[in-house]
C-alpha atoms as a PDB file:
ATOM      1  CA  MET A   1      -2.737  -6.740   8.444  1.00  0.00           C
ATOM      2  CA  ASP A   2      -0.730  -4.491   6.174  1.00  0.00           C
ATOM      3  CA  ASN A   3       1.629  -1.651   6.697  1.00  0.00           C
ATOM      4  CA  ILE A   4       2.026   1.000   4.043  1.00  0.00           C
ATOM      5  CA  ALA A   5       5.409   2.640   4.301  1.00  0.00           C
ATOM      6  CA  PRO A   6       6.366   5.441   1.918  1.00  0.00           C
ATOM      7  CA  THR A   7       9.953   4.935   0.884  1.00  0.00           C
ATOM      8  CA  GLY A   8      10.405   8.397  -0.646  1.00  0.00           C
ATOM      9  CA  ALA A   9      10.378  10.024  -4.051  1.00  0.00           C
ATOM     10  CA  VAL A  10      11.777   7.827  -6.798  1.00  0.00           C
ATOM     11  CA  ALA A  11      12.144   7.797 -10.553  1.00  0.00           C
ATOM     12  CA  SER A  12      10.194   5.026 -12.252  1.00  0.00           C
ATOM     13  CA  GLY A  13      11.251   3.006 -15.254  1.00  0.00           C
ATOM     14  CA  THR A  14       9.307   5.481 -17.379  1.00  0.00           C
ATOM     15  CA  GLY A  15      11.287   8.435 -16.035  1.00  0.00           C
ATOM     16  CA  THR A  16       8.471   9.914 -13.955  1.00  0.00           C
ATOM     17  CA  VAL A  17       9.040  10.907 -10.351  1.00  0.00           C
ATOM     18  CA  GLY A  18       6.647   9.577  -7.775  1.00  0.00           C
ATOM     19  CA  MET A  19       6.146   8.358  -4.251  1.00  0.00           C
ATOM     20  CA  LYS A  20       6.922   4.723  -3.506  1.00  0.00           C
ATOM     21  CA  PHE A  21       5.033   2.818  -0.804  1.00  0.00           C
ATOM     22  CA  ARG A  22       5.704  -0.561   0.672  1.00  0.00           C
ATOM     23  CA  ILE A  23       2.643  -2.573   1.635  1.00  0.00           C
ATOM     24  CA  ALA A  24       3.869  -5.217   4.067  1.00  0.00           C
ATOM     25  CA  GLY A  25       1.912  -8.413   4.468  1.00  0.00           C
ATOM     26  CA  ASP A  26       2.757  -9.120   8.099  1.00  0.00           C
ATOM     27  CA  GLY A  27       2.853 -12.823   7.239  1.00  0.00           C
ATOM     28  CA  ASP A  28      -0.358 -12.821   5.174  1.00  0.00           C
ATOM     29  CA  GLU A  29       0.911 -13.692   1.682  1.00  0.00           C
ATOM     30  CA  GLU A  30      -2.620 -14.489   0.485  1.00  0.00           C
ATOM     31  CA  ALA A  31      -3.728 -10.913   1.163  1.00  0.00           C
ATOM     32  CA  LEU A  32      -0.770  -9.508  -0.806  1.00  0.00           C
ATOM     33  CA  VAL A  33      -1.471 -11.778  -3.771  1.00  0.00           C
ATOM     34  CA  ASP A  34      -5.131 -10.741  -3.607  1.00  0.00           C
ATOM     35  CA  LEU A  35      -4.250  -7.026  -3.406  1.00  0.00           C
ATOM     36  CA  GLN A  36      -1.781  -7.303  -6.289  1.00  0.00           C
ATOM     37  CA  ALA A  37      -4.466  -8.945  -8.454  1.00  0.00           C
ATOM     38  CA  TRP A  38      -7.054  -6.340  -7.352  1.00  0.00           C
ATOM     39  CA  LEU A  39      -4.780  -3.442  -8.310  1.00  0.00           C
ATOM     40  CA  ALA A  40      -3.955  -5.081 -11.660  1.00  0.00           C
ATOM     41  CA  GLU A  41      -7.640  -5.553 -12.501  1.00  0.00           C
ATOM     42  CA  ASP A  42      -8.923  -2.171 -11.300  1.00  0.00           C
ATOM     43  CA  PRO A  43      -9.145   0.255 -14.241  1.00  0.00           C
ATOM     44  CA  GLY A  44      -7.830   3.130 -12.116  1.00  0.00           C
ATOM     45  CA  THR A  45      -4.752   1.283 -10.845  1.00  0.00           C
ATOM     46  CA  ALA A  46      -3.969  -1.248 -13.579  1.00  0.00           C
ATOM     47  CA  ARG A  47      -1.082   0.888 -14.876  1.00  0.00           C
ATOM     48  CA  LEU A  48       0.564   1.473 -11.505  1.00  0.00           C
ATOM     49  CA  GLU A  49       4.035   0.045 -11.040  1.00  0.00           C
ATOM     50  CA  VAL A  50       3.652  -2.733  -8.462  1.00  0.00           C
ATOM     51  CA  SER A  51       6.644  -4.917  -7.596  1.00  0.00           C
ATOM     52  CA  VAL A  52       6.898  -7.939  -5.367  1.00  0.00           C
ATOM     53  CA  VAL A  53       9.257  -7.896  -2.397  1.00  0.00           C
ATOM     54  CA  GLY A  54      10.319 -11.393  -1.412  1.00  0.00           C
ATOM     55  CA  GLY A  55      12.074 -12.803   1.588  1.00  0.00           C
ATOM     56  CA  GLN A  56      13.605 -16.063   2.661  1.00  0.00           C
ATOM     57  CA  GLY A  57      11.300 -18.394   4.571  1.00  0.00           C
ATOM     58  CA  PRO A  58      12.265 -21.579   6.413  1.00  0.00           C
ATOM     59  CA  THR A  59      11.759 -23.797   3.348  1.00  0.00           C
ATOM     60  CA  MET A  60      11.184 -21.415   0.430  1.00  0.00           C
ATOM     61  CA  ASN A  61      10.973 -17.799  -0.639  1.00  0.00           C
ATOM     62  CA  THR A  62       8.092 -15.828   0.836  1.00  0.00           C
ATOM     63  CA  LEU A  63       6.108 -12.838  -0.372  1.00  0.00           C
ATOM     64  CA  GLU A  64       6.734 -10.142   2.233  1.00  0.00           C
ATOM     65  CA  ALA A  65       5.483  -6.940   0.623  1.00  0.00           C
ATOM     66  CA  LEU A  66       4.412  -5.043  -2.462  1.00  0.00           C
ATOM     67  CA  ASP A  67       6.086  -1.832  -3.570  1.00  0.00           C
ATOM     68  CA  VAL A  68       3.687   0.585  -5.263  1.00  0.00           C
ATOM     69  CA  LEU A  69       4.772   3.708  -7.145  1.00  0.00           C
ATOM     70  CA  LEU A  70       2.297   6.606  -7.303  1.00  0.00           C
ATOM     71  CA  GLY A  71       3.265   9.250  -9.842  1.00  0.00           C
ATOM     72  CA  ASN A  72       0.616  11.974  -9.587  1.00  0.00           C
ATOM     73  CA  ALA A  73      -2.528  13.167  -7.806  1.00  0.00           C
ATOM     74  CA  VAL A  74      -4.827  11.066 -10.011  1.00  0.00           C
ATOM     75  CA  GLU A  75      -2.877   7.912  -9.194  1.00  0.00           C
ATOM     76  CA  ILE A  76      -3.000   8.790  -5.480  1.00  0.00           C
ATOM     77  CA  ALA A  77      -6.798   9.140  -5.630  1.00  0.00           C
ATOM     78  CA  ASN A  78      -7.221   5.980  -7.709  1.00  0.00           C
ATOM     79  CA  PHE A  79      -4.963   3.988  -5.374  1.00  0.00           C
ATOM     80  CA  ALA A  80      -6.790   5.257  -2.281  1.00  0.00           C
ATOM     81  CA  LEU A  81     -10.169   4.287  -3.735  1.00  0.00           C
ATOM     82  CA  ALA A  82      -8.975   0.870  -4.950  1.00  0.00           C
ATOM     83  CA  TYR A  83      -7.201   0.090  -1.665  1.00  0.00           C
ATOM     84  CA  VAL A  84     -10.135   1.080   0.556  1.00  0.00           C
ATOM     85  CA  THR A  85     -12.566  -0.808  -1.702  1.00  0.00           C
ATOM     86  CA  TRP A  86     -10.334  -3.904  -1.608  1.00  0.00           C
ATOM     87  CA  ARG A  87     -10.110  -3.674   2.185  1.00  0.00           C
ATOM     88  CA  SER A  88     -13.902  -3.363   2.436  1.00  0.00           C
ATOM     89  CA  VAL A  89     -14.526  -6.331   0.137  1.00  0.00           C
ATOM     90  CA  ARG A  90     -12.092  -8.466   2.176  1.00  0.00           C
ATOM     91  CA  ARG A  91     -13.799  -7.395   5.408  1.00  0.00           C
ATOM     92  CA  ASP A  92     -17.305  -8.022   4.039  1.00  0.00           C
ATOM     93  CA  GLY A  93     -16.198 -11.347   2.590  1.00  0.00           C
ATOM     94  CA  GLY A  94     -14.994 -12.571   5.971  1.00  0.00           C
ATOM     95  CA  GLN A  95     -11.319 -12.580   4.951  1.00  0.00           C
ATOM     96  CA  GLY A  96     -10.290 -10.103   7.631  1.00  0.00           C
ATOM     97  CA  THR A  97      -8.418 -11.094  10.749  1.00  0.00           C
ATOM     98  CA  GLY A  98      -9.982  -8.680  13.228  1.00  0.00           C
ATOM     99  CA  ALA A  99     -12.892  -6.358  13.838  1.00  0.00           C
ATOM    100  CA  ASP A 100     -11.184  -3.180  12.711  1.00  0.00           C
ATOM    101  CA  ASP A 101      -8.231  -4.294  10.631  1.00  0.00           C
ATOM    102  CA  GLY A 102     -10.329  -6.057   7.991  1.00  0.00           C
ATOM    103  CA  GLY A 103      -7.215  -7.951   6.960  1.00  0.00           C
ATOM    104  CA  GLY A 104      -6.786  -5.295   4.303  1.00  0.00           C
ATOM    105  CA  GLY A 105      -4.661  -2.692   6.003  1.00  0.00           C
ATOM    106  CA  SER A 106      -4.616  -0.820   9.221  1.00  0.00           C
ATOM    107  CA  ARG A 107      -1.327   1.048   9.535  1.00  0.00           C
ATOM    108  CA  LEU A 108       0.588   3.517   7.412  1.00  0.00           C
ATOM    109  CA  VAL A 109       4.204   3.944   8.463  1.00  0.00           C
ATOM    110  CA  HIS A 110       6.236   6.987   7.456  1.00  0.00           C
ATOM    111  CA  GLY A 111       9.581   7.493   9.130  1.00  0.00           C
ATOM    112  CA  ASP A 112       9.019   7.225  12.871  1.00  0.00           C
ATOM    113  CA  SER A 113       5.267   7.872  12.585  1.00  0.00           C
ATOM    114  CA  THR A 114       2.537   5.254  12.384  1.00  0.00           C
ATOM    115  CA  VAL A 115      -1.026   6.181  11.423  1.00  0.00           C
ATOM    116  CA  ASP A 116      -4.059   3.907  11.724  1.00  0.00           C
ATOM    117  CA  ILE A 117      -5.674   3.873   8.267  1.00  0.00           C
ATOM    118  CA  GLY A 118      -8.075   0.985   8.865  1.00  0.00           C
ATOM    119  CA  HIS A 119     -11.015   3.354   9.273  1.00  0.00           C
ATOM    120  CA  LEU A 120     -10.177   5.969   6.620  1.00  0.00           C
ATOM    121  CA  SER A 121     -12.426   6.680   3.669  1.00  0.00           C
ATOM    122  CA  PRO A 122     -10.869   6.883   0.187  1.00  0.00           C
ATOM    123  CA  GLU A 123     -10.940  10.685   0.437  1.00  0.00           C
ATOM    124  CA  GLU A 124      -9.224  10.717   3.834  1.00  0.00           C
ATOM    125  CA  LEU A 125      -6.570   8.239   2.672  1.00  0.00           C
ATOM    126  CA  ALA A 126      -5.942  10.281  -0.488  1.00  0.00           C
ATOM    127  CA  VAL A 127      -5.499  13.462   1.595  1.00  0.00           C
ATOM    128  CA  LEU A 128      -3.032  11.653   3.855  1.00  0.00           C
ATOM    129  CA  LEU A 129      -1.095  10.298   0.860  1.00  0.00           C
ATOM    130  CA  ARG A 130      -0.980  13.758  -0.746  1.00  0.00           C
ATOM    131  CA  ARG A 131       0.360  15.251   2.478  1.00  0.00           C
ATOM    132  CA  LEU A 132       3.037  12.575   2.647  1.00  0.00           C
ATOM    133  CA  ASP A 133       3.859  13.160  -1.023  1.00  0.00           C
ATOM    134  CA  ASP A 134       4.337  16.884  -0.289  1.00  0.00           C
ATOM    135  CA  ALA A 135       6.545  16.208   2.738  1.00  0.00           C
ATOM    136  CA  PRO A 136      10.223  15.511   2.169  1.00  0.00           C
ATOM    137  CA  PRO A 137      11.121  11.871   2.883  1.00  0.00           C
ATOM    138  CA  PRO A 138      12.679  11.295   6.292  1.00  0.00           C
ATOM    139  CA  ALA A 139      16.479  11.263   6.299  1.00  0.00           C
ATOM    140  CA  ALA A 140      18.009   7.828   6.643  1.00  0.00           C
ATOM    141  CA  GLY A 141      19.322   7.254  10.117  1.00  0.00           C
ATOM    142  CA  ALA A 142      17.814  10.486  11.426  1.00  0.00           C
END
């Protein structure tokens, strides 16, 4: 259902440097609204900077993605746990769209690489995010 695409290191409104991810809805606005609410209500992720990315639909604006800024290792771990828990709850609640994608996320895109994250535990996702955070962002147009 979702793609998570790191968009590189950025400075937040608070002046901290972090790693920004885009979580694309692939046409499932309901899932993005649900994830945004989940992250806002989770004690470990409530303070994360989450912004809405809109697009133009045939008759109105559409919710296409969420941008999430992770500033440190604790936020990476908290996000990984909250995201995997949210995905599991959606899957268990019958809100998923397929057997393995759970409607809550299955692909992480970074540059030209795509990784299936639909089966990762919170620990495995956190390790992957940390590795991406340590890697320089891909050069535009490279």
